[in-house]
Amino acid sequence: MATFSVYMIRHGQTYFNKYRRMQGWCDSPLTAVGEQDARNAGKMLNGIDFDAVYASDMTRAMRTAELILPASGNTDLTVQPMAAFREAFYGYFEGDDTSQTWFMVGAPHQAPSLSAIIEQYGIEKAKDFCKEADPFHRAENNAEFWQRVTGGLDTLRAHHHDGDKVLVVSHGNTIYSIAARFAALTSPARPQNGSVTKFTISDNDVTLDYFGRKDHLD
């Protein structure tokens, strides 16, 4: 049975992050702070020889990965885009004010913020509630999200061998959702931009080793 490590990084800060806009499948460039987030993540990962690097096909994730590689000393690798590890799709709410959106999504359930939704119902219901509130019902619900992400995890399993170290640049709610499914997270706080979350993946299991670290990695 193959067991390998996945270091999953949240992309650097973007303009939509800075201005607190919903950012799922819509995109915005990294800020100067976001580019430094990526370089800092690379420095944390320096000394780890990766066997492959993947990123969500969103520009913000691809750019983050491109900045991580030289800072981490992995200059011989090419970033491979993987749509499976995109952020959740927010449909009608893409680009809208974050606080206002989650108020609209959660208020019918007496949970007027994303943190409140997660605390009361879990991150899975946040996606279901978002699809319900979307007047076009095009936002991803939890089942649709997991069909996509499970496909990505299966692709990693198909391509990697025992002992491999894999770098994946993804998104805050996607990383949180994977961690929440396979570990008992006690806080609704999503990983910060440029933070490192490590998973150990085997043929039939995913284990969370650590979550959202921005300090030196052992």
N, C-alpha and C. Protein backbone atom coordinates (compact mmCIF):
# COMPACT_ATOMS: atom_id res chain seq x y z
N MET A 1 0.85 -1.20 0.00
CA MET A 1 0.00 0.00 0.00
C MET A 1 0.89 1.25 0.00
N ALA A 2 0.68 2.12 -0.96
CA ALA A 2 1.47 3.36 -1.06
C ALA A 2 0.97 4.39 -0.05
N THR A 3 1.89 5.01 0.64
CA THR A 3 1.58 6.11 1.56
C THR A 3 2.51 7.27 1.22
N PHE A 4 1.94 8.44 0.96
CA PHE A 4 2.75 9.59 0.55
C PHE A 4 2.25 10.85 1.26
N SER A 5 3.09 11.89 1.25
CA SER A 5 2.80 13.14 1.95
C SER A 5 2.35 14.21 0.97
N VAL A 6 1.33 14.97 1.36
CA VAL A 6 0.85 16.10 0.56
C VAL A 6 0.93 17.36 1.41
N TYR A 7 1.74 18.31 0.95
CA TYR A 7 1.85 19.61 1.60
C TYR A 7 0.94 20.56 0.82
N MET A 8 -0.17 20.95 1.47
CA MET A 8 -1.17 21.75 0.77
C MET A 8 -1.09 23.20 1.26
N ILE A 9 -0.83 24.12 0.33
CA ILE A 9 -0.60 25.52 0.65
C ILE A 9 -1.81 26.34 0.17
N ARG A 10 -2.26 27.26 1.03
CA ARG A 10 -3.25 28.22 0.55
C ARG A 10 -2.51 29.32 -0.23
N HIS A 11 -3.04 29.67 -1.38
CA HIS A 11 -2.43 30.71 -2.22
C HIS A 11 -2.20 32.00 -1.43
N GLY A 12 -1.33 32.86 -1.95
CA GLY A 12 -1.05 34.14 -1.33
C GLY A 12 -2.24 35.09 -1.41
N GLN A 13 -2.20 36.15 -0.62
CA GLN A 13 -3.29 37.13 -0.59
C GLN A 13 -3.54 37.71 -1.98
N THR A 14 -4.82 37.82 -2.34
CA THR A 14 -5.23 38.44 -3.60
C THR A 14 -5.95 39.76 -3.30
N TYR A 15 -6.25 40.49 -4.38
CA TYR A 15 -7.01 41.74 -4.20
C TYR A 15 -8.41 41.45 -3.67
N PHE A 16 -9.04 40.36 -4.11
CA PHE A 16 -10.36 40.01 -3.57
C PHE A 16 -10.28 39.63 -2.10
N ASN A 17 -9.20 38.95 -1.70
CA ASN A 17 -9.00 38.69 -0.26
C ASN A 17 -8.90 40.01 0.50
N LYS A 18 -8.08 40.92 -0.02
CA LYS A 18 -7.85 42.19 0.66
C LYS A 18 -9.14 42.99 0.81
N TYR A 19 -9.98 42.97 -0.23
CA TYR A 19 -11.21 43.75 -0.21
C TYR A 19 -12.41 42.94 0.26
N ARG A 20 -12.15 41.72 0.73
CA ARG A 20 -13.17 40.85 1.32
C ARG A 20 -14.33 40.59 0.34
N ARG A 21 -13.94 40.06 -0.80
CA ARG A 21 -14.91 39.68 -1.82
C ARG A 21 -14.95 38.15 -1.95
N MET A 22 -16.10 37.61 -2.32
CA MET A 22 -16.24 36.16 -2.54
C MET A 22 -15.38 35.76 -3.73
N GLN A 23 -14.55 34.75 -3.55
CA GLN A 23 -13.60 34.37 -4.59
C GLN A 23 -13.52 32.85 -4.66
N GLY A 24 -14.35 32.28 -5.50
CA GLY A 24 -14.33 30.84 -5.71
C GLY A 24 -13.71 30.53 -7.06
N TRP A 25 -14.55 30.48 -8.11
CA TRP A 25 -14.03 30.25 -9.46
C TRP A 25 -13.71 31.55 -10.18
N CYS A 26 -14.12 32.70 -9.64
CA CYS A 26 -13.62 33.97 -10.16
C CYS A 26 -12.22 34.18 -9.59
N ASP A 27 -11.47 35.10 -10.16
CA ASP A 27 -10.07 35.20 -9.81
C ASP A 27 -9.67 36.66 -9.67
N SER A 28 -8.59 36.90 -8.96
CA SER A 28 -7.96 38.21 -8.92
C SER A 28 -6.48 38.00 -8.66
N PRO A 29 -5.64 38.96 -9.05
CA PRO A 29 -4.19 38.77 -8.93
C PRO A 29 -3.72 38.79 -7.48
N LEU A 30 -2.53 38.24 -7.25
CA LEU A 30 -1.88 38.36 -5.96
C LEU A 30 -1.49 39.82 -5.72
N THR A 31 -1.66 40.28 -4.50
CA THR A 31 -1.10 41.56 -4.09
C THR A 31 0.40 41.39 -3.84
N ALA A 32 1.10 42.50 -3.57
CA ALA A 32 2.51 42.40 -3.20
C ALA A 32 2.66 41.57 -1.93
N VAL A 33 1.73 41.73 -1.00
CA VAL A 33 1.73 40.91 0.22
C VAL A 33 1.55 39.44 -0.15
N GLY A 34 0.66 39.17 -1.12
CA GLY A 34 0.41 37.80 -1.54
C GLY A 34 1.62 37.14 -2.18
N GLU A 35 2.38 37.91 -2.95
CA GLU A 35 3.60 37.37 -3.53
C GLU A 35 4.61 37.04 -2.44
N GLN A 36 4.67 37.88 -1.40
CA GLN A 36 5.56 37.58 -0.28
C GLN A 36 5.06 36.38 0.52
N ASP A 37 3.72 36.23 0.66
CA ASP A 37 3.15 35.03 1.28
C ASP A 37 3.71 33.77 0.61
N ALA A 38 3.73 33.79 -0.72
CA ALA A 38 4.20 32.63 -1.48
C ALA A 38 5.69 32.38 -1.24
N ARG A 39 6.47 33.43 -1.27
CA ARG A 39 7.92 33.26 -1.03
C ARG A 39 8.17 32.75 0.39
N ASN A 40 7.42 33.27 1.35
CA ASN A 40 7.58 32.81 2.74
C ASN A 40 7.22 31.33 2.87
N ALA A 41 6.17 30.91 2.18
CA ALA A 41 5.81 29.49 2.19
C ALA A 41 6.94 28.66 1.59
N GLY A 42 7.53 29.16 0.51
CA GLY A 42 8.66 28.46 -0.09
C GLY A 42 9.82 28.30 0.87
N LYS A 43 10.11 29.37 1.65
CA LYS A 43 11.19 29.30 2.62
C LYS A 43 10.89 28.26 3.70
N MET A 44 9.62 28.18 4.13
CA MET A 44 9.24 27.17 5.12
C MET A 44 9.47 25.76 4.59
N LEU A 45 9.27 25.59 3.27
CA LEU A 45 9.37 24.27 2.64
C LEU A 45 10.79 23.96 2.16
N ASN A 46 11.70 24.92 2.33
CA ASN A 46 13.06 24.71 1.84
C ASN A 46 13.69 23.52 2.55
N GLY A 47 14.32 22.66 1.78
CA GLY A 47 14.91 21.44 2.33
C GLY A 47 14.06 20.21 2.08
N ILE A 48 12.81 20.41 1.64
CA ILE A 48 11.96 19.29 1.25
C ILE A 48 12.07 19.10 -0.25
N ASP A 49 12.51 17.94 -0.68
CA ASP A 49 12.62 17.64 -2.11
C ASP A 49 11.32 17.03 -2.59
N PHE A 50 10.55 17.83 -3.34
CA PHE A 50 9.25 17.36 -3.80
C PHE A 50 9.38 16.51 -5.06
N ASP A 51 8.49 15.53 -5.16
CA ASP A 51 8.46 14.68 -6.35
C ASP A 51 7.56 15.25 -7.43
N ALA A 52 6.63 16.12 -7.03
CA ALA A 52 5.73 16.75 -8.00
C ALA A 52 5.08 17.96 -7.35
N VAL A 53 4.64 18.90 -8.18
CA VAL A 53 3.92 20.06 -7.67
C VAL A 53 2.69 20.29 -8.53
N TYR A 54 1.56 20.47 -7.86
CA TYR A 54 0.28 20.73 -8.52
C TYR A 54 -0.29 22.04 -7.95
N ALA A 55 -1.17 22.64 -8.73
CA ALA A 55 -1.91 23.81 -8.24
C ALA A 55 -3.28 23.81 -8.87
N SER A 56 -4.26 24.29 -8.13
CA SER A 56 -5.54 24.66 -8.73
C SER A 56 -5.26 25.47 -9.99
N ASP A 57 -6.11 25.32 -10.99
CA ASP A 57 -5.87 26.02 -12.26
C ASP A 57 -6.25 27.50 -12.21
N MET A 58 -6.64 28.00 -11.04
CA MET A 58 -6.86 29.44 -10.88
C MET A 58 -5.51 30.18 -10.92
N THR A 59 -5.50 31.35 -11.53
CA THR A 59 -4.26 32.11 -11.69
C THR A 59 -3.58 32.36 -10.36
N ARG A 60 -4.36 32.65 -9.30
CA ARG A 60 -3.77 32.97 -8.00
C ARG A 60 -3.01 31.77 -7.42
N ALA A 61 -3.51 30.58 -7.68
CA ALA A 61 -2.83 29.38 -7.17
C ALA A 61 -1.60 29.04 -8.02
N MET A 62 -1.73 29.15 -9.33
CA MET A 62 -0.60 28.86 -10.21
C MET A 62 0.56 29.83 -9.94
N ARG A 63 0.24 31.11 -9.77
CA ARG A 63 1.28 32.11 -9.51
C ARG A 63 1.95 31.84 -8.17
N THR A 64 1.17 31.47 -7.16
CA THR A 64 1.74 31.13 -5.86
C THR A 64 2.72 29.97 -5.98
N ALA A 65 2.33 28.94 -6.71
CA ALA A 65 3.20 27.77 -6.89
C ALA A 65 4.49 28.16 -7.60
N GLU A 66 4.37 29.01 -8.61
CA GLU A 66 5.56 29.44 -9.36
C GLU A 66 6.54 30.21 -8.49
N LEU A 67 6.03 30.94 -7.50
CA LEU A 67 6.89 31.68 -6.58
C LEU A 67 7.45 30.78 -5.47
N ILE A 68 6.72 29.76 -5.10
CA ILE A 68 7.17 28.84 -4.06
C ILE A 68 8.38 28.03 -4.53
N LEU A 69 8.37 27.58 -5.77
CA LEU A 69 9.38 26.62 -6.22
C LEU A 69 10.81 27.14 -6.04
N PRO A 70 11.18 28.32 -6.55
CA PRO A 70 12.57 28.76 -6.35
C PRO A 70 12.89 29.02 -4.88
N ALA A 71 11.92 29.53 -4.11
CA ALA A 71 12.18 29.81 -2.70
C ALA A 71 12.36 28.54 -1.89
N SER A 72 11.80 27.43 -2.38
CA SER A 72 11.91 26.15 -1.67
C SER A 72 13.06 25.30 -2.18
N GLY A 73 13.74 25.78 -3.23
CA GLY A 73 14.85 25.02 -3.79
C GLY A 73 14.47 23.94 -4.77
N ASN A 74 13.18 23.91 -5.16
CA ASN A 74 12.70 22.89 -6.10
C ASN A 74 12.58 23.49 -7.50
N THR A 75 13.72 23.86 -8.07
CA THR A 75 13.71 24.59 -9.34
C THR A 75 13.58 23.68 -10.55
N ASP A 76 13.63 22.36 -10.35
CA ASP A 76 13.58 21.43 -11.48
C ASP A 76 12.18 20.92 -11.77
N LEU A 77 11.18 21.40 -11.04
CA LEU A 77 9.81 20.91 -11.20
C LEU A 77 8.96 21.90 -11.99
N THR A 78 7.93 21.40 -12.65
CA THR A 78 6.97 22.20 -13.40
C THR A 78 5.62 22.10 -12.71
N VAL A 79 4.93 23.22 -12.55
CA VAL A 79 3.61 23.23 -11.90
C VAL A 79 2.58 22.60 -12.83
N GLN A 80 1.87 21.61 -12.34
CA GLN A 80 0.81 20.94 -13.10
C GLN A 80 -0.56 21.43 -12.60
N PRO A 81 -1.37 22.03 -13.47
CA PRO A 81 -2.68 22.52 -13.02
C PRO A 81 -3.67 21.39 -12.77
N MET A 82 -4.45 21.51 -11.69
CA MET A 82 -5.48 20.52 -11.35
C MET A 82 -6.76 21.25 -10.94
N ALA A 83 -7.75 21.25 -11.83
CA ALA A 83 -9.01 21.92 -11.53
C ALA A 83 -9.73 21.30 -10.34
N ALA A 84 -9.42 20.04 -10.03
CA ALA A 84 -10.07 19.35 -8.92
C ALA A 84 -9.85 20.07 -7.59
N PHE A 85 -8.75 20.80 -7.48
CA PHE A 85 -8.43 21.46 -6.21
C PHE A 85 -8.73 22.96 -6.24
N ARG A 86 -9.67 23.36 -7.11
CA ARG A 86 -10.18 24.73 -7.05
C ARG A 86 -10.91 24.99 -5.74
N GLU A 87 -11.16 26.27 -5.48
CA GLU A 87 -12.04 26.65 -4.38
C GLU A 87 -13.47 26.22 -4.73
N ALA A 88 -14.32 26.16 -3.72
CA ALA A 88 -15.75 25.94 -3.98
C ALA A 88 -16.27 27.02 -4.92
N PHE A 89 -17.26 26.66 -5.73
CA PHE A 89 -17.89 27.61 -6.65
C PHE A 89 -19.09 28.24 -5.94
N TYR A 90 -19.12 29.59 -5.91
CA TYR A 90 -20.16 30.31 -5.18
C TYR A 90 -21.27 30.86 -6.08
N GLY A 91 -21.25 30.50 -7.35
CA GLY A 91 -22.35 30.84 -8.23
C GLY A 91 -22.65 32.33 -8.29
N TYR A 92 -23.91 32.67 -8.05
CA TYR A 92 -24.39 34.05 -8.11
C TYR A 92 -23.60 34.98 -7.21
N PHE A 93 -23.02 34.45 -6.14
CA PHE A 93 -22.36 35.29 -5.14
C PHE A 93 -20.90 35.59 -5.47
N GLU A 94 -20.37 35.04 -6.56
CA GLU A 94 -18.97 35.29 -6.92
C GLU A 94 -18.71 36.80 -7.03
N GLY A 95 -17.68 37.27 -6.34
CA GLY A 95 -17.29 38.68 -6.40
C GLY A 95 -18.03 39.59 -5.45
N ASP A 96 -19.06 39.09 -4.76
CA ASP A 96 -19.83 39.92 -3.84
C ASP A 96 -19.10 40.09 -2.51
N ASP A 97 -19.55 41.06 -1.72
CA ASP A 97 -19.00 41.29 -0.40
C ASP A 97 -19.14 40.02 0.45
N THR A 98 -18.04 39.61 1.10
CA THR A 98 -18.02 38.33 1.81
C THR A 98 -19.00 38.32 2.98
N SER A 99 -18.94 39.34 3.83
CA SER A 99 -19.80 39.35 5.02
C SER A 99 -21.27 39.39 4.64
N GLN A 100 -21.61 40.22 3.65
CA GLN A 100 -23.00 40.32 3.22
C GLN A 100 -23.49 39.00 2.64
N THR A 101 -22.64 38.35 1.85
CA THR A 101 -23.03 37.07 1.25
C THR A 101 -23.33 36.03 2.30
N TRP A 102 -22.40 35.84 3.25
CA TRP A 102 -22.61 34.79 4.24
C TRP A 102 -23.76 35.13 5.17
N PHE A 103 -24.06 36.42 5.36
CA PHE A 103 -25.26 36.79 6.11
C PHE A 103 -26.51 36.31 5.37
N MET A 104 -26.56 36.58 4.06
CA MET A 104 -27.72 36.15 3.25
C MET A 104 -27.85 34.64 3.23
N VAL A 105 -26.70 33.95 3.15
CA VAL A 105 -26.71 32.48 3.07
C VAL A 105 -27.12 31.86 4.41
N GLY A 106 -26.60 32.42 5.50
CA GLY A 106 -26.79 31.78 6.80
C GLY A 106 -27.95 32.28 7.62
N ALA A 107 -28.42 33.50 7.35
CA ALA A 107 -29.48 34.08 8.18
C ALA A 107 -30.74 33.21 8.24
N PRO A 108 -31.20 32.59 7.14
CA PRO A 108 -32.39 31.73 7.24
C PRO A 108 -32.19 30.55 8.20
N HIS A 109 -30.94 30.26 8.54
CA HIS A 109 -30.62 29.14 9.43
C HIS A 109 -30.11 29.64 10.79
N GLN A 110 -30.37 30.93 11.09
CA GLN A 110 -29.96 31.55 12.34
C GLN A 110 -28.45 31.48 12.54
N ALA A 111 -27.72 31.63 11.45
CA ALA A 111 -26.26 31.62 11.49
C ALA A 111 -25.76 32.70 10.53
N PRO A 112 -25.58 33.94 11.00
CA PRO A 112 -25.38 35.08 10.10
C PRO A 112 -23.94 35.32 9.63
N SER A 113 -23.07 34.33 9.72
CA SER A 113 -21.70 34.46 9.21
C SER A 113 -21.19 33.07 8.87
N LEU A 114 -20.10 33.00 8.11
CA LEU A 114 -19.54 31.69 7.78
C LEU A 114 -19.06 30.97 9.03
N SER A 115 -18.41 31.69 9.94
CA SER A 115 -17.96 31.04 11.17
C SER A 115 -19.14 30.47 11.96
N ALA A 116 -20.23 31.22 12.00
CA ALA A 116 -21.41 30.73 12.72
C ALA A 116 -22.00 29.50 12.04
N ILE A 117 -22.03 29.49 10.71
CA ILE A 117 -22.52 28.32 9.99
C ILE A 117 -21.66 27.10 10.31
N ILE A 118 -20.34 27.28 10.26
CA ILE A 118 -19.44 26.16 10.53
C ILE A 118 -19.61 25.67 11.97
N GLU A 119 -19.70 26.59 12.92
CA GLU A 119 -19.83 26.20 14.33
C GLU A 119 -21.12 25.44 14.59
N GLN A 120 -22.22 25.87 13.93
CA GLN A 120 -23.52 25.26 14.22
C GLN A 120 -23.82 24.05 13.35
N TYR A 121 -23.32 24.07 12.09
CA TYR A 121 -23.75 23.04 11.14
C TYR A 121 -22.59 22.30 10.47
N GLY A 122 -21.39 22.90 10.46
CA GLY A 122 -20.26 22.30 9.75
C GLY A 122 -20.06 22.92 8.38
N ILE A 123 -18.84 22.80 7.85
CA ILE A 123 -18.50 23.40 6.56
C ILE A 123 -19.30 22.80 5.42
N GLU A 124 -19.71 21.52 5.57
CA GLU A 124 -20.49 20.89 4.49
C GLU A 124 -21.80 21.63 4.24
N LYS A 125 -22.48 21.99 5.33
CA LYS A 125 -23.76 22.69 5.19
C LYS A 125 -23.59 24.09 4.63
N ALA A 126 -22.42 24.70 4.84
CA ALA A 126 -22.19 26.03 4.26
C ALA A 126 -22.35 25.98 2.75
N LYS A 127 -21.87 24.93 2.13
CA LYS A 127 -22.00 24.79 0.67
C LYS A 127 -23.45 24.53 0.27
N ASP A 128 -24.12 23.67 1.02
CA ASP A 128 -25.53 23.39 0.71
C ASP A 128 -26.39 24.64 0.86
N PHE A 129 -26.15 25.40 1.93
CA PHE A 129 -26.92 26.63 2.16
C PHE A 129 -26.65 27.65 1.05
N CYS A 130 -25.40 27.70 0.58
CA CYS A 130 -25.03 28.65 -0.47
C CYS A 130 -25.78 28.32 -1.76
N LYS A 131 -25.88 27.04 -2.10
CA LYS A 131 -26.62 26.66 -3.30
C LYS A 131 -28.10 26.98 -3.16
N GLU A 132 -28.65 26.76 -1.97
CA GLU A 132 -30.06 27.08 -1.72
C GLU A 132 -30.32 28.57 -1.89
N ALA A 133 -29.41 29.40 -1.39
CA ALA A 133 -29.61 30.86 -1.42
C ALA A 133 -29.34 31.46 -2.80
N ASP A 134 -28.53 30.79 -3.61
CA ASP A 134 -28.22 31.27 -4.96
C ASP A 134 -29.50 31.25 -5.80
N PRO A 135 -29.97 32.40 -6.31
CA PRO A 135 -31.21 32.41 -7.08
C PRO A 135 -31.14 31.58 -8.36
N PHE A 136 -29.94 31.32 -8.85
CA PHE A 136 -29.76 30.46 -10.02
C PHE A 136 -29.43 29.02 -9.63
N HIS A 137 -29.17 28.79 -8.35
CA HIS A 137 -28.82 27.46 -7.83
C HIS A 137 -27.64 26.83 -8.57
N ARG A 138 -26.66 27.67 -8.91
CA ARG A 138 -25.48 27.19 -9.61
C ARG A 138 -24.26 27.00 -8.69
N ALA A 139 -24.31 27.55 -7.50
CA ALA A 139 -23.21 27.32 -6.55
C ALA A 139 -23.08 25.83 -6.28
N GLU A 140 -21.86 25.39 -5.99
CA GLU A 140 -21.63 23.97 -5.68
C GLU A 140 -22.21 23.63 -4.32
N ASN A 141 -22.96 22.54 -4.25
CA ASN A 141 -23.33 22.03 -2.94
C ASN A 141 -22.24 21.06 -2.47
N ASN A 142 -22.41 20.49 -1.29
CA ASN A 142 -21.36 19.66 -0.73
C ASN A 142 -21.08 18.42 -1.57
N ALA A 143 -22.14 17.79 -2.08
CA ALA A 143 -21.95 16.58 -2.89
C ALA A 143 -21.18 16.89 -4.17
N GLU A 144 -21.52 18.00 -4.82
CA GLU A 144 -20.82 18.38 -6.06
C GLU A 144 -19.36 18.73 -5.79
N PHE A 145 -19.13 19.44 -4.70
CA PHE A 145 -17.76 19.79 -4.31
C PHE A 145 -16.93 18.53 -4.08
N TRP A 146 -17.47 17.58 -3.34
CA TRP A 146 -16.70 16.40 -2.99
C TRP A 146 -16.53 15.44 -4.17
N GLN A 147 -17.46 15.43 -5.10
CA GLN A 147 -17.25 14.62 -6.30
C GLN A 147 -15.99 15.10 -7.02
N ARG A 148 -15.81 16.42 -7.09
CA ARG A 148 -14.64 17.01 -7.75
C ARG A 148 -13.37 16.76 -6.96
N VAL A 149 -13.39 17.05 -5.66
CA VAL A 149 -12.18 16.92 -4.84
C VAL A 149 -11.76 15.46 -4.68
N THR A 150 -12.73 14.56 -4.52
CA THR A 150 -12.39 13.14 -4.42
C THR A 150 -11.69 12.67 -5.69
N GLY A 151 -12.12 13.18 -6.83
CA GLY A 151 -11.44 12.85 -8.08
C GLY A 151 -9.99 13.30 -8.06
N GLY A 152 -9.73 14.47 -7.47
CA GLY A 152 -8.36 14.95 -7.35
C GLY A 152 -7.52 14.08 -6.43
N LEU A 153 -8.08 13.68 -5.29
CA LEU A 153 -7.35 12.79 -4.39
C LEU A 153 -7.06 11.45 -5.05
N ASP A 154 -8.02 10.94 -5.81
CA ASP A 154 -7.80 9.67 -6.51
C ASP A 154 -6.72 9.80 -7.58
N THR A 155 -6.65 10.96 -8.24
CA THR A 155 -5.60 11.19 -9.22
C THR A 155 -4.23 11.18 -8.55
N LEU A 156 -4.11 11.83 -7.40
CA LEU A 156 -2.84 11.80 -6.67
C LEU A 156 -2.48 10.37 -6.30
N ARG A 157 -3.45 9.61 -5.81
CA ARG A 157 -3.17 8.20 -5.45
C ARG A 157 -2.69 7.40 -6.66
N ALA A 158 -3.25 7.68 -7.83
CA ALA A 158 -2.89 6.93 -9.03
C ALA A 158 -1.50 7.24 -9.53
N HIS A 159 -0.97 8.42 -9.19
CA HIS A 159 0.29 8.86 -9.78
C HIS A 159 1.47 8.86 -8.81
N HIS A 160 1.22 8.58 -7.52
CA HIS A 160 2.32 8.70 -6.57
C HIS A 160 2.58 7.42 -5.81
N HIS A 161 3.85 7.30 -5.40
CA HIS A 161 4.36 6.07 -4.83
C HIS A 161 4.67 6.23 -3.35
N ASP A 162 4.97 5.13 -2.72
CA ASP A 162 5.28 5.14 -1.30
C ASP A 162 6.45 6.07 -1.00
N GLY A 163 6.24 6.98 -0.05
CA GLY A 163 7.30 7.89 0.35
C GLY A 163 7.38 9.18 -0.44
N ASP A 164 6.58 9.35 -1.48
CA ASP A 164 6.62 10.57 -2.27
C ASP A 164 6.21 11.78 -1.42
N LYS A 165 6.75 12.93 -1.80
CA LYS A 165 6.37 14.21 -1.19
C LYS A 165 5.79 15.09 -2.30
N VAL A 166 4.56 15.53 -2.11
CA VAL A 166 3.80 16.23 -3.15
C VAL A 166 3.38 17.60 -2.63
N LEU A 167 3.58 18.62 -3.45
CA LEU A 167 3.15 19.98 -3.13
C LEU A 167 1.88 20.30 -3.92
N VAL A 168 0.86 20.81 -3.22
CA VAL A 168 -0.39 21.21 -3.87
C VAL A 168 -0.77 22.60 -3.38
N VAL A 169 -0.94 23.55 -4.29
CA VAL A 169 -1.41 24.89 -3.93
C VAL A 169 -2.92 24.95 -4.20
N SER A 170 -3.67 25.25 -3.16
CA SER A 170 -5.12 25.24 -3.27
C SER A 170 -5.69 26.49 -2.58
N HIS A 171 -6.84 26.36 -1.95
CA HIS A 171 -7.63 27.50 -1.47
C HIS A 171 -8.13 27.25 -0.05
N GLY A 172 -8.48 28.35 0.63
CA GLY A 172 -8.80 28.28 2.04
C GLY A 172 -9.92 27.33 2.41
N ASN A 173 -11.09 27.47 1.78
CA ASN A 173 -12.20 26.61 2.15
C ASN A 173 -12.03 25.19 1.63
N THR A 174 -11.31 25.03 0.54
CA THR A 174 -11.04 23.67 0.05
C THR A 174 -10.13 22.93 1.02
N ILE A 175 -9.04 23.58 1.45
CA ILE A 175 -8.14 22.95 2.41
C ILE A 175 -8.87 22.67 3.72
N TYR A 176 -9.64 23.66 4.20
CA TYR A 176 -10.38 23.46 5.45
C TYR A 176 -11.36 22.29 5.31
N SER A 177 -12.04 22.20 4.18
CA SER A 177 -13.03 21.14 3.98
C SER A 177 -12.39 19.76 4.01
N ILE A 178 -11.21 19.62 3.38
CA ILE A 178 -10.52 18.33 3.39
C ILE A 178 -10.08 17.99 4.82
N ALA A 179 -9.51 18.98 5.50
CA ALA A 179 -9.07 18.74 6.88
C ALA A 179 -10.25 18.39 7.79
N ALA A 180 -11.38 19.10 7.62
CA ALA A 180 -12.54 18.86 8.48
C ALA A 180 -13.15 17.48 8.25
N ARG A 181 -13.06 16.99 7.02
CA ARG A 181 -13.62 15.67 6.73
C ARG A 181 -12.82 14.56 7.40
N PHE A 182 -11.51 14.73 7.45
CA PHE A 182 -10.66 13.63 7.91
C PHE A 182 -10.07 13.84 9.30
N ALA A 183 -10.38 14.96 9.94
CA ALA A 183 -9.89 15.22 11.30
C ALA A 183 -10.93 16.04 12.04
N ALA A 184 -10.88 15.99 13.35
CA ALA A 184 -11.86 16.70 14.18
C ALA A 184 -11.34 18.12 14.45
N LEU A 185 -11.62 19.03 13.54
CA LEU A 185 -11.23 20.42 13.76
C LEU A 185 -12.16 21.06 14.78
N THR A 186 -11.58 21.78 15.72
CA THR A 186 -12.39 22.39 16.77
C THR A 186 -12.63 23.88 16.55
N SER A 187 -11.96 24.47 15.56
CA SER A 187 -12.10 25.90 15.29
C SER A 187 -12.64 26.12 13.88
N PRO A 188 -13.49 27.16 13.71
CA PRO A 188 -13.97 27.47 12.36
C PRO A 188 -12.97 28.28 11.54
N ALA A 189 -11.80 28.59 12.10
CA ALA A 189 -10.82 29.44 11.41
C ALA A 189 -10.20 28.69 10.23
N ARG A 190 -10.33 29.30 9.03
CA ARG A 190 -9.73 28.70 7.85
C ARG A 190 -8.24 29.01 7.79
N PRO A 191 -7.46 28.26 7.02
CA PRO A 191 -6.02 28.51 6.95
C PRO A 191 -5.71 29.86 6.34
N GLN A 192 -4.68 30.51 6.83
CA GLN A 192 -4.29 31.82 6.32
C GLN A 192 -3.59 31.69 4.97
N ASN A 193 -3.54 32.80 4.24
CA ASN A 193 -2.82 32.83 2.97
C ASN A 193 -1.36 32.45 3.21
N GLY A 194 -0.85 31.54 2.38
CA GLY A 194 0.54 31.14 2.47
C GLY A 194 0.85 30.12 3.55
N SER A 195 -0.17 29.62 4.24
CA SER A 195 0.07 28.63 5.29
C SER A 195 0.18 27.23 4.70
N VAL A 196 0.78 26.33 5.51
CA VAL A 196 1.05 24.95 5.08
C VAL A 196 0.20 23.99 5.90
N THR A 197 -0.55 23.13 5.22
CA THR A 197 -1.31 22.06 5.86
C THR A 197 -0.80 20.74 5.28
N LYS A 198 -0.46 19.81 6.14
CA LYS A 198 0.13 18.56 5.66
C LYS A 198 -0.81 17.38 5.90
N PHE A 199 -0.98 16.58 4.85
CA PHE A 199 -1.76 15.35 4.93
C PHE A 199 -0.87 14.16 4.60
N THR A 200 -1.16 13.02 5.20
CA THR A 200 -0.60 11.74 4.76
C THR A 200 -1.71 10.95 4.10
N ILE A 201 -1.49 10.56 2.86
CA ILE A 201 -2.53 9.88 2.07
C ILE A 201 -2.09 8.47 1.75
N SER A 202 -2.98 7.53 1.98
CA SER A 202 -2.76 6.13 1.60
C SER A 202 -3.87 5.70 0.65
N ASP A 203 -3.87 4.42 0.31
CA ASP A 203 -4.86 3.94 -0.66
C ASP A 203 -6.30 4.14 -0.18
N ASN A 204 -6.51 4.08 1.13
CA ASN A 204 -7.88 4.15 1.62
C ASN A 204 -8.07 5.11 2.79
N ASP A 205 -7.11 6.03 3.00
CA ASP A 205 -7.25 6.92 4.13
C ASP A 205 -6.53 8.24 3.86
N VAL A 206 -6.95 9.28 4.59
CA VAL A 206 -6.27 10.58 4.61
C VAL A 206 -6.12 10.97 6.07
N THR A 207 -4.89 11.30 6.48
CA THR A 207 -4.61 11.71 7.84
C THR A 207 -4.09 13.15 7.83
N LEU A 208 -4.61 13.97 8.74
CA LEU A 208 -4.13 15.34 8.89
C LEU A 208 -2.96 15.34 9.86
N ASP A 209 -1.79 15.77 9.38
CA ASP A 209 -0.59 15.85 10.23
C ASP A 209 -0.51 17.19 10.95
N TYR A 210 -0.73 18.28 10.26
CA TYR A 210 -0.84 19.60 10.89
C TYR A 210 -1.61 20.52 9.96
N PHE A 211 -2.08 21.64 10.54
CA PHE A 211 -3.04 22.49 9.84
C PHE A 211 -2.61 23.95 9.93
N GLY A 212 -2.51 24.61 8.77
CA GLY A 212 -2.37 26.05 8.71
C GLY A 212 -1.12 26.61 9.36
N ARG A 213 0.01 25.93 9.20
CA ARG A 213 1.24 26.40 9.85
C ARG A 213 1.92 27.49 9.02
N LYS A 214 2.45 28.49 9.72
CA LYS A 214 3.22 29.55 9.07
C LYS A 214 4.57 29.73 9.77
N ASP A 215 4.99 28.71 10.53
CA ASP A 215 6.28 28.76 11.21
C ASP A 215 7.23 27.76 10.54
N HIS A 216 8.42 27.60 11.11
CA HIS A 216 9.40 26.67 10.53
C HIS A 216 8.88 25.25 10.59
N LEU A 217 9.04 24.52 9.49
CA LEU A 217 8.59 23.14 9.43
C LEU A 217 9.76 22.22 9.77
N ASP A 218 9.47 21.16 10.55
CA ASP A 218 10.50 20.18 10.88
C ASP A 218 10.85 19.33 9.68
